[in-house]
Amino acid sequence: MEEFLNVLKDMKFMINTAIVLVEHPGNGESKKASVVKMVDDFISQNNIDIPIPLSIFNWIIGEAVDVSVRWMNENIWKKGKEQPS
């Protein structure tokens, strides 16, 4: 279990990096799919063993993408908030 938690921690870094790489206005679902694919490719290319079914892991990754994007929208890109002059 500890190994799986370490994988999730590493995936958080990968998710955040992928989100920044694909960011542009609009196309949210397409960008999310691109991020999930980048994470899947990273896992495959690095022979990372995921001890749960990939479909469940991808669901977890999808939820993590949503949470990370929401946080970045509110704190980094500040969508909907007035920028200081």
PDB file of N, CA and C in Angstrom:
ATOM      1  N   MET A   1       0.823  -1.200   0.000  1.00  0.00           N
ATOM      2  CA  MET A   1       0.000   0.000   0.000  1.00  0.00           C
ATOM      3  C   MET A   1       0.867   1.264   0.000  1.00  0.00           C
ATOM      4  N   GLU A   2       1.953   1.232   0.771  1.00  0.00           N
ATOM      5  CA  GLU A   2       2.836   2.401   0.833  1.00  0.00           C
ATOM      6  C   GLU A   2       3.429   2.702  -0.540  1.00  0.00           C
ATOM      7  N   GLU A   3       3.774   1.644  -1.288  1.00  0.00           N
ATOM      8  CA  GLU A   3       4.324   1.830  -2.632  1.00  0.00           C
ATOM      9  C   GLU A   3       3.299   2.507  -3.543  1.00  0.00           C
ATOM     10  N   PHE A   4       2.029   2.091  -3.429  1.00  0.00           N
ATOM     11  CA  PHE A   4       0.971   2.684  -4.237  1.00  0.00           C
ATOM     12  C   PHE A   4       0.787   4.157  -3.885  1.00  0.00           C
ATOM     13  N   LEU A   5       0.864   4.506  -2.617  1.00  0.00           N
ATOM     14  CA  LEU A   5       0.746   5.908  -2.211  1.00  0.00           C
ATOM     15  C   LEU A   5       1.902   6.739  -2.765  1.00  0.00           C
ATOM     16  N   ASN A   6       3.084   6.149  -2.821  1.00  0.00           N
ATOM     17  CA  ASN A   6       4.220   6.850  -3.422  1.00  0.00           C
ATOM     18  C   ASN A   6       4.000   7.070  -4.914  1.00  0.00           C
ATOM     19  N   VAL A   7       3.408   6.081  -5.590  1.00  0.00           N
ATOM     20  CA  VAL A   7       3.097   6.236  -7.016  1.00  0.00           C
ATOM     21  C   VAL A   7       2.109   7.380  -7.197  1.00  0.00           C
ATOM     22  N   LEU A   8       1.086   7.439  -6.345  1.00  0.00           N
ATOM     23  CA  LEU A   8       0.103   8.517  -6.452  1.00  0.00           C
ATOM     24  C   LEU A   8       0.749   9.877  -6.241  1.00  0.00           C
ATOM     25  N   LYS A   9       1.670   9.962  -5.305  1.00  0.00           N
ATOM     26  CA  LYS A   9       2.369  11.227  -5.055  1.00  0.00           C
ATOM     27  C   LYS A   9       3.170  11.648  -6.290  1.00  0.00           C
ATOM     28  N   ASP A  10       3.854  10.693  -6.897  1.00  0.00           N
ATOM     29  CA  ASP A  10       4.607  10.989  -8.114  1.00  0.00           C
ATOM     30  C   ASP A  10       3.671  11.379  -9.254  1.00  0.00           C
ATOM     31  N   MET A  11       2.522  10.736  -9.329  1.00  0.00           N
ATOM     32  CA  MET A  11       1.557  11.046 -10.379  1.00  0.00           C
ATOM     33  C   MET A  11       0.993  12.447 -10.202  1.00  0.00           C
ATOM     34  N   LYS A  12       0.886  12.925  -8.968  1.00  0.00           N
ATOM     35  CA  LYS A  12       0.418  14.292  -8.730  1.00  0.00           C
ATOM     36  C   LYS A  12       1.349  15.279  -9.422  1.00  0.00           C
ATOM     37  N   PHE A  13       2.640  15.065  -9.301  1.00  0.00           N
ATOM     38  CA  PHE A  13       3.613  15.929  -9.982  1.00  0.00           C
ATOM     39  C   PHE A  13       3.437  15.825 -11.497  1.00  0.00           C
ATOM     40  N   MET A  14       3.293  14.605 -12.000  1.00  0.00           N
ATOM     41  CA  MET A  14       3.121  14.393 -13.442  1.00  0.00           C
ATOM     42  C   MET A  14       1.839  15.050 -13.940  1.00  0.00           C
ATOM     43  N   ILE A  15       0.755  14.919 -13.185  1.00  0.00           N
ATOM     44  CA  ILE A  15      -0.529  15.523 -13.564  1.00  0.00           C
ATOM     45  C   ILE A  15      -0.391  17.036 -13.658  1.00  0.00           C
ATOM     46  N   ASN A  16       0.176  17.653 -12.640  1.00  0.00           N
ATOM     47  CA  ASN A  16       0.320  19.114 -12.635  1.00  0.00           C
ATOM     48  C   ASN A  16       1.189  19.592 -13.788  1.00  0.00           C
ATOM     49  N   THR A  17       2.248  18.861 -14.085  1.00  0.00           N
ATOM     50  CA  THR A  17       3.112  19.221 -15.215  1.00  0.00           C
ATOM     51  C   THR A  17       2.334  19.111 -16.526  1.00  0.00           C
ATOM     52  N   ALA A  18       1.595  18.022 -16.698  1.00  0.00           N
ATOM     53  CA  ALA A  18       0.823  17.813 -17.927  1.00  0.00           C
ATOM     54  C   ALA A  18      -0.262  18.884 -18.079  1.00  0.00           C
ATOM     55  N   ILE A  19      -0.900  19.270 -16.987  1.00  0.00           N
ATOM     56  CA  ILE A  19      -1.935  20.314 -17.048  1.00  0.00           C
ATOM     57  C   ILE A  19      -1.342  21.614 -17.585  1.00  0.00           C
ATOM     58  N   VAL A  20      -0.194  21.981 -17.077  1.00  0.00           N
ATOM     59  CA  VAL A  20       0.454  23.217 -17.536  1.00  0.00           C
ATOM     60  C   VAL A  20       0.821  23.107 -19.017  1.00  0.00           C
ATOM     61  N   LEU A  21       1.264  21.935 -19.443  1.00  0.00           N
ATOM     62  CA  LEU A  21       1.657  21.751 -20.844  1.00  0.00           C
ATOM     63  C   LEU A  21       0.489  21.885 -21.815  1.00  0.00           C
ATOM     64  N   VAL A  22      -0.696  21.455 -21.419  1.00  0.00           N
ATOM     65  CA  VAL A  22      -1.839  21.474 -22.349  1.00  0.00           C
ATOM     66  C   VAL A  22      -2.727  22.699 -22.173  1.00  0.00           C
ATOM     67  N   GLU A  23      -2.427  23.573 -21.231  1.00  0.00           N
ATOM     68  CA  GLU A  23      -3.335  24.688 -20.917  1.00  0.00           C
ATOM     69  C   GLU A  23      -3.458  25.685 -22.064  1.00  0.00           C
ATOM     70  N   HIS A  24      -4.701  25.955 -22.395  1.00  0.00           N
ATOM     71  CA  HIS A  24      -5.116  27.013 -23.312  1.00  0.00           C
ATOM     72  C   HIS A  24      -6.616  27.190 -23.093  1.00  0.00           C
ATOM     73  N   PRO A  25      -7.174  28.315 -23.465  1.00  0.00           N
ATOM     74  CA  PRO A  25      -8.603  28.536 -23.211  1.00  0.00           C
ATOM     75  C   PRO A  25      -9.481  27.503 -23.932  1.00  0.00           C
ATOM     76  N   GLY A  26     -10.473  27.006 -23.214  1.00  0.00           N
ATOM     77  CA  GLY A  26     -11.465  26.104 -23.793  1.00  0.00           C
ATOM     78  C   GLY A  26     -11.003  24.666 -23.915  1.00  0.00           C
ATOM     79  N   ASN A  27     -11.892  23.834 -24.464  1.00  0.00           N
ATOM     80  CA  ASN A  27     -11.622  22.414 -24.736  1.00  0.00           C
ATOM     81  C   ASN A  27     -11.247  21.607 -23.498  1.00  0.00           C
ATOM     82  N   GLY A  28     -11.947  21.841 -22.392  1.00  0.00           N
ATOM     83  CA  GLY A  28     -11.611  21.203 -21.122  1.00  0.00           C
ATOM     84  C   GLY A  28     -11.534  19.685 -21.178  1.00  0.00           C
ATOM     85  N   GLU A  29     -12.547  19.042 -21.785  1.00  0.00           N
ATOM     86  CA  GLU A  29     -12.548  17.574 -21.821  1.00  0.00           C
ATOM     87  C   GLU A  29     -11.413  17.036 -22.684  1.00  0.00           C
ATOM     88  N   SER A  30     -11.119  17.727 -23.764  1.00  0.00           N
ATOM     89  CA  SER A  30     -10.016  17.309 -24.631  1.00  0.00           C
ATOM     90  C   SER A  30      -8.679  17.436 -23.901  1.00  0.00           C
ATOM     91  N   LYS A  31      -8.511  18.534 -23.159  1.00  0.00           N
ATOM     92  CA  LYS A  31      -7.278  18.729 -22.394  1.00  0.00           C
ATOM     93  C   LYS A  31      -7.158  17.664 -21.303  1.00  0.00           C
ATOM     94  N   LYS A  32      -8.274  17.357 -20.647  1.00  0.00           N
ATOM     95  CA  LYS A  32      -8.267  16.330 -19.598  1.00  0.00           C
ATOM     96  C   LYS A  32      -7.852  14.987 -20.190  1.00  0.00           C
ATOM     97  N   ALA A  33      -8.410  14.642 -21.355  1.00  0.00           N
ATOM     98  CA  ALA A  33      -8.050  13.379 -22.014  1.00  0.00           C
ATOM     99  C   ALA A  33      -6.563  13.358 -22.360  1.00  0.00           C
ATOM    100  N   SER A  34      -6.026  14.494 -22.787  1.00  0.00           N
ATOM    101  CA  SER A  34      -4.596  14.580 -23.109  1.00  0.00           C
ATOM    102  C   SER A  34      -3.741  14.351 -21.870  1.00  0.00           C
ATOM    103  N   VAL A  35      -4.161  14.922 -20.749  1.00  0.00           N
ATOM    104  CA  VAL A  35      -3.413  14.747 -19.499  1.00  0.00           C
ATOM    105  C   VAL A  35      -3.439  13.283 -19.074  1.00  0.00           C
ATOM    106  N   VAL A  36      -4.621  12.656 -19.111  1.00  0.00           N
ATOM    107  CA  VAL A  36      -4.728  11.244 -18.730  1.00  0.00           C
ATOM    108  C   VAL A  36      -3.853  10.389 -19.647  1.00  0.00           C
ATOM    109  N   LYS A  37      -3.837  10.688 -20.942  1.00  0.00           N
ATOM    110  CA  LYS A  37      -3.001   9.929 -21.879  1.00  0.00           C
ATOM    111  C   LYS A  37      -1.517  10.121 -21.561  1.00  0.00           C
ATOM    112  N   MET A  38      -1.112  11.350 -21.241  1.00  0.00           N
ATOM    113  CA  MET A  38       0.292  11.595 -20.878  1.00  0.00           C
ATOM    114  C   MET A  38       0.686  10.766 -19.658  1.00  0.00           C
ATOM    115  N   VAL A  39      -0.204  10.726 -18.668  1.00  0.00           N
ATOM    116  CA  VAL A  39       0.086   9.945 -17.460  1.00  0.00           C
ATOM    117  C   VAL A  39       0.150   8.464 -17.800  1.00  0.00           C
ATOM    118  N   ASP A  40      -0.805   7.966 -18.595  1.00  0.00           N
ATOM    119  CA  ASP A  40      -0.779   6.554 -19.011  1.00  0.00           C
ATOM    120  C   ASP A  40       0.509   6.226 -19.768  1.00  0.00           C
ATOM    121  N   ASP A  41       0.898   7.108 -20.689  1.00  0.00           N
ATOM    122  CA  ASP A  41       2.128   6.888 -21.445  1.00  0.00           C
ATOM    123  C   ASP A  41       3.345   6.873 -20.532  1.00  0.00           C
ATOM    124  N   PHE A  42       3.377   7.788 -19.573  1.00  0.00           N
ATOM    125  CA  PHE A  42       4.483   7.841 -18.614  1.00  0.00           C
ATOM    126  C   PHE A  42       4.577   6.536 -17.826  1.00  0.00           C
ATOM    127  N   ILE A  43       3.430   6.028 -17.383  1.00  0.00           N
ATOM    128  CA  ILE A  43       3.394   4.773 -16.626  1.00  0.00           C
ATOM    129  C   ILE A  43       3.904   3.623 -17.494  1.00  0.00           C
ATOM    130  N   SER A  44       3.417   3.548 -18.734  1.00  0.00           N
ATOM    131  CA  SER A  44       3.819   2.463 -19.642  1.00  0.00           C
ATOM    132  C   SER A  44       5.303   2.525 -19.973  1.00  0.00           C
ATOM    133  N   GLN A  45       5.782   3.705 -20.318  1.00  0.00           N
ATOM    134  CA  GLN A  45       7.177   3.855 -20.741  1.00  0.00           C
ATOM    135  C   GLN A  45       8.167   3.615 -19.613  1.00  0.00           C
ATOM    136  N   ASN A  46       7.725   3.791 -18.387  1.00  0.00           N
ATOM    137  CA  ASN A  46       8.617   3.615 -17.237  1.00  0.00           C
ATOM    138  C   ASN A  46       8.343   2.330 -16.471  1.00  0.00           C
ATOM    139  N   ASN A  47       7.509   1.456 -17.058  1.00  0.00           N
ATOM    140  CA  ASN A  47       7.201   0.151 -16.452  1.00  0.00           C
ATOM    141  C   ASN A  47       6.793   0.258 -14.991  1.00  0.00           C
ATOM    142  N   ILE A  48       5.926   1.226 -14.692  1.00  0.00           N
ATOM    143  CA  ILE A  48       5.444   1.420 -13.329  1.00  0.00           C
ATOM    144  C   ILE A  48       4.295   0.455 -13.090  1.00  0.00           C
ATOM    145  N   ASP A  49       4.402  -0.323 -12.034  1.00  0.00           N
ATOM    146  CA  ASP A  49       3.376  -1.311 -11.699  1.00  0.00           C
ATOM    147  C   ASP A  49       2.285  -0.642 -10.872  1.00  0.00           C
ATOM    148  N   ILE A  50       1.069  -0.672 -11.380  1.00  0.00           N
ATOM    149  CA  ILE A  50      -0.081  -0.122 -10.666  1.00  0.00           C
ATOM    150  C   ILE A  50      -0.863  -1.302 -10.096  1.00  0.00           C
ATOM    151  N   PRO A  51      -0.969  -1.400  -8.762  1.00  0.00           N
ATOM    152  CA  PRO A  51      -1.580  -2.590  -8.151  1.00  0.00           C
ATOM    153  C   PRO A  51      -3.117  -2.584  -8.138  1.00  0.00           C
ATOM    154  N   ILE A  52      -3.725  -1.794  -8.994  1.00  0.00           N
ATOM    155  CA  ILE A  52      -5.187  -1.790  -9.131  1.00  0.00           C
ATOM    156  C   ILE A  52      -5.492  -1.787 -10.625  1.00  0.00           C
ATOM    157  N   PRO A  53      -6.724  -2.155 -11.007  1.00  0.00           N
ATOM    158  CA  PRO A  53      -7.061  -2.137 -12.435  1.00  0.00           C
ATOM    159  C   PRO A  53      -6.842  -0.744 -13.034  1.00  0.00           C
ATOM    160  N   LEU A  54      -6.336  -0.716 -14.268  1.00  0.00           N
ATOM    161  CA  LEU A  54      -6.016   0.546 -14.928  1.00  0.00           C
ATOM    162  C   LEU A  54      -7.244   1.436 -15.068  1.00  0.00           C
ATOM    163  N   SER A  55      -8.416   0.848 -15.264  1.00  0.00           N
ATOM    164  CA  SER A  55      -9.634   1.658 -15.397  1.00  0.00           C
ATOM    165  C   SER A  55      -9.919   2.435 -14.109  1.00  0.00           C
ATOM    166  N   ILE A  56      -9.692   1.808 -12.973  1.00  0.00           N
ATOM    167  CA  ILE A  56      -9.895   2.488 -11.683  1.00  0.00           C
ATOM    168  C   ILE A  56      -8.822   3.555 -11.493  1.00  0.00           C
ATOM    169  N   PHE A  57      -7.578   3.216 -11.840  1.00  0.00           N
ATOM    170  CA  PHE A  57      -6.494   4.185 -11.714  1.00  0.00           C
ATOM    171  C   PHE A  57      -6.766   5.401 -12.597  1.00  0.00           C
ATOM    172  N   ASN A  58      -7.237   5.169 -13.830  1.00  0.00           N
ATOM    173  CA  ASN A  58      -7.544   6.289 -14.722  1.00  0.00           C
ATOM    174  C   ASN A  58      -8.676   7.145 -14.174  1.00  0.00           C
ATOM    175  N   TRP A  59      -9.635   6.524 -13.508  1.00  0.00           N
ATOM    176  CA  TRP A  59     -10.704   7.302 -12.864  1.00  0.00           C
ATOM    177  C   TRP A  59     -10.097   8.198 -11.780  1.00  0.00           C
ATOM    178  N   ILE A  60      -9.199   7.633 -10.978  1.00  0.00           N
ATOM    179  CA  ILE A  60      -8.521   8.411  -9.932  1.00  0.00           C
ATOM    180  C   ILE A  60      -7.747   9.567 -10.568  1.00  0.00           C
ATOM    181  N   ILE A  61      -7.034   9.288 -11.645  1.00  0.00           N
ATOM    182  CA  ILE A  61      -6.268  10.325 -12.333  1.00  0.00           C
ATOM    183  C   ILE A  61      -7.206  11.414 -12.851  1.00  0.00           C
ATOM    184  N   GLY A  62      -8.340  11.014 -13.443  1.00  0.00           N
ATOM    185  CA  GLY A  62      -9.311  11.985 -13.941  1.00  0.00           C
ATOM    186  C   GLY A  62      -9.827  12.895 -12.845  1.00  0.00           C
ATOM    187  N   GLU A  63     -10.134  12.317 -11.689  1.00  0.00           N
ATOM    188  CA  GLU A  63     -10.593  13.126 -10.556  1.00  0.00           C
ATOM    189  C   GLU A  63      -9.484  14.056 -10.071  1.00  0.00           C
ATOM    190  N   ALA A  64      -8.257  13.545 -10.040  1.00  0.00           N
ATOM    191  CA  ALA A  64      -7.122  14.373  -9.613  1.00  0.00           C
ATOM    192  C   ALA A  64      -6.901  15.535 -10.581  1.00  0.00           C
ATOM    193  N   VAL A  65      -7.102  15.291 -11.876  1.00  0.00           N
ATOM    194  CA  VAL A  65      -6.989  16.363 -12.868  1.00  0.00           C
ATOM    195  C   VAL A  65      -8.019  17.446 -12.573  1.00  0.00           C
ATOM    196  N   ASP A  66      -9.271  17.034 -12.325  1.00  0.00           N
ATOM    197  CA  ASP A  66     -10.322  18.010 -12.030  1.00  0.00           C
ATOM    198  C   ASP A  66      -9.986  18.861 -10.815  1.00  0.00           C
ATOM    199  N   VAL A  67      -9.513  18.221  -9.756  1.00  0.00           N
ATOM    200  CA  VAL A  67      -9.167  18.945  -8.527  1.00  0.00           C
ATOM    201  C   VAL A  67      -7.992  19.893  -8.777  1.00  0.00           C
ATOM    202  N   SER A  68      -6.977  19.411  -9.475  1.00  0.00           N
ATOM    203  CA  SER A  68      -5.802  20.252  -9.745  1.00  0.00           C
ATOM    204  C   SER A  68      -6.152  21.444 -10.629  1.00  0.00           C
ATOM    205  N   VAL A  69      -6.973  21.215 -11.666  1.00  0.00           N
ATOM    206  CA  VAL A  69      -7.366  22.315 -12.551  1.00  0.00           C
ATOM    207  C   VAL A  69      -8.187  23.338 -11.781  1.00  0.00           C
ATOM    208  N   ARG A  70      -9.101  22.860 -10.953  1.00  0.00           N
ATOM    209  CA  ARG A  70      -9.916  23.780 -10.146  1.00  0.00           C
ATOM    210  C   ARG A  70      -9.015  24.644  -9.268  1.00  0.00           C
ATOM    211  N   TRP A  71      -8.025  24.020  -8.610  1.00  0.00           N
ATOM    212  CA  TRP A  71      -7.114  24.764  -7.745  1.00  0.00           C
ATOM    213  C   TRP A  71      -6.297  25.766  -8.567  1.00  0.00           C
ATOM    214  N   MET A  72      -5.782  25.320  -9.720  1.00  0.00           N
ATOM    215  CA  MET A  72      -4.989  26.227 -10.555  1.00  0.00           C
ATOM    216  C   MET A  72      -5.835  27.383 -11.077  1.00  0.00           C
ATOM    217  N   ASN A  73      -7.085  27.109 -11.450  1.00  0.00           N
ATOM    218  CA  ASN A  73      -7.975  28.184 -11.905  1.00  0.00           C
ATOM    219  C   ASN A  73      -8.181  29.229 -10.820  1.00  0.00           C
ATOM    220  N   GLU A  74      -8.331  28.780  -9.586  1.00  0.00           N
ATOM    221  CA  GLU A  74      -8.606  29.695  -8.479  1.00  0.00           C
ATOM    222  C   GLU A  74      -7.357  30.396  -7.960  1.00  0.00           C
ATOM    223  N   ASN A  75      -6.206  29.761  -8.080  1.00  0.00           N
ATOM    224  CA  ASN A  75      -5.013  30.292  -7.427  1.00  0.00           C
ATOM    225  C   ASN A  75      -3.888  30.725  -8.357  1.00  0.00           C
ATOM    226  N   ILE A  76      -3.815  30.152  -9.534  1.00  0.00           N
ATOM    227  CA  ILE A  76      -2.723  30.506 -10.446  1.00  0.00           C
ATOM    228  C   ILE A  76      -3.258  31.339 -11.594  1.00  0.00           C
ATOM    229  N   TRP A  77      -4.219  30.769 -12.331  1.00  0.00           N
ATOM    230  CA  TRP A  77      -4.736  31.479 -13.496  1.00  0.00           C
ATOM    231  C   TRP A  77      -5.840  32.453 -13.110  1.00  0.00           C
ATOM    232  N   LYS A  78      -6.409  32.274 -11.933  1.00  0.00           N
ATOM    233  CA  LYS A  78      -7.420  33.185 -11.361  1.00  0.00           C
ATOM    234  C   LYS A  78      -8.522  33.521 -12.345  1.00  0.00           C
ATOM    235  N   LYS A  79      -9.063  32.492 -12.979  1.00  0.00           N
ATOM    236  CA  LYS A  79     -10.166  32.706 -13.931  1.00  0.00           C
ATOM    237  C   LYS A  79     -11.357  33.276 -13.175  1.00  0.00           C
ATOM    238  N   GLY A  80     -11.952  34.291 -13.758  1.00  0.00           N
ATOM    239  CA  GLY A  80     -13.132  34.884 -13.155  1.00  0.00           C
ATOM    240  C   GLY A  80     -12.817  35.901 -12.070  1.00  0.00           C
ATOM    241  N   LYS A  81     -11.552  36.091 -11.778  1.00  0.00           N
ATOM    242  CA  LYS A  81     -11.162  37.055 -10.753  1.00  0.00           C
ATOM    243  C   LYS A  81     -10.423  38.192 -11.415  1.00  0.00           C
ATOM    244  N   GLU A  82     -10.630  39.373 -10.882  1.00  0.00           N
ATOM    245  CA  GLU A  82      -9.977  40.544 -11.440  1.00  0.00           C
ATOM    246  C   GLU A  82      -8.484  40.515 -11.136  1.00  0.00           C
ATOM    247  N   GLN A  83      -7.670  40.752 -12.155  1.00  0.00           N
ATOM    248  CA  GLN A  83      -6.216  40.806 -11.980  1.00  0.00           C
ATOM    249  C   GLN A  83      -5.811  42.207 -11.530  1.00  0.00           C
ATOM    250  N   PRO A  84      -4.861  42.335 -10.604  1.00  0.00           N
ATOM    251  CA  PRO A  84      -4.399  43.662 -10.188  1.00  0.00           C
ATOM    252  C   PRO A  84      -3.680  44.350 -11.351  1.00  0.00           C
ATOM    253  N   SER A  85      -3.818  45.662 -11.423  1.00  0.00           N
ATOM    254  CA  SER A  85      -3.190  46.456 -12.491  1.00  0.00           C
ATOM    255  C   SER A  85      -1.752  46.776 -12.174  1.00  0.00           C
TER     256      SER A  85
END
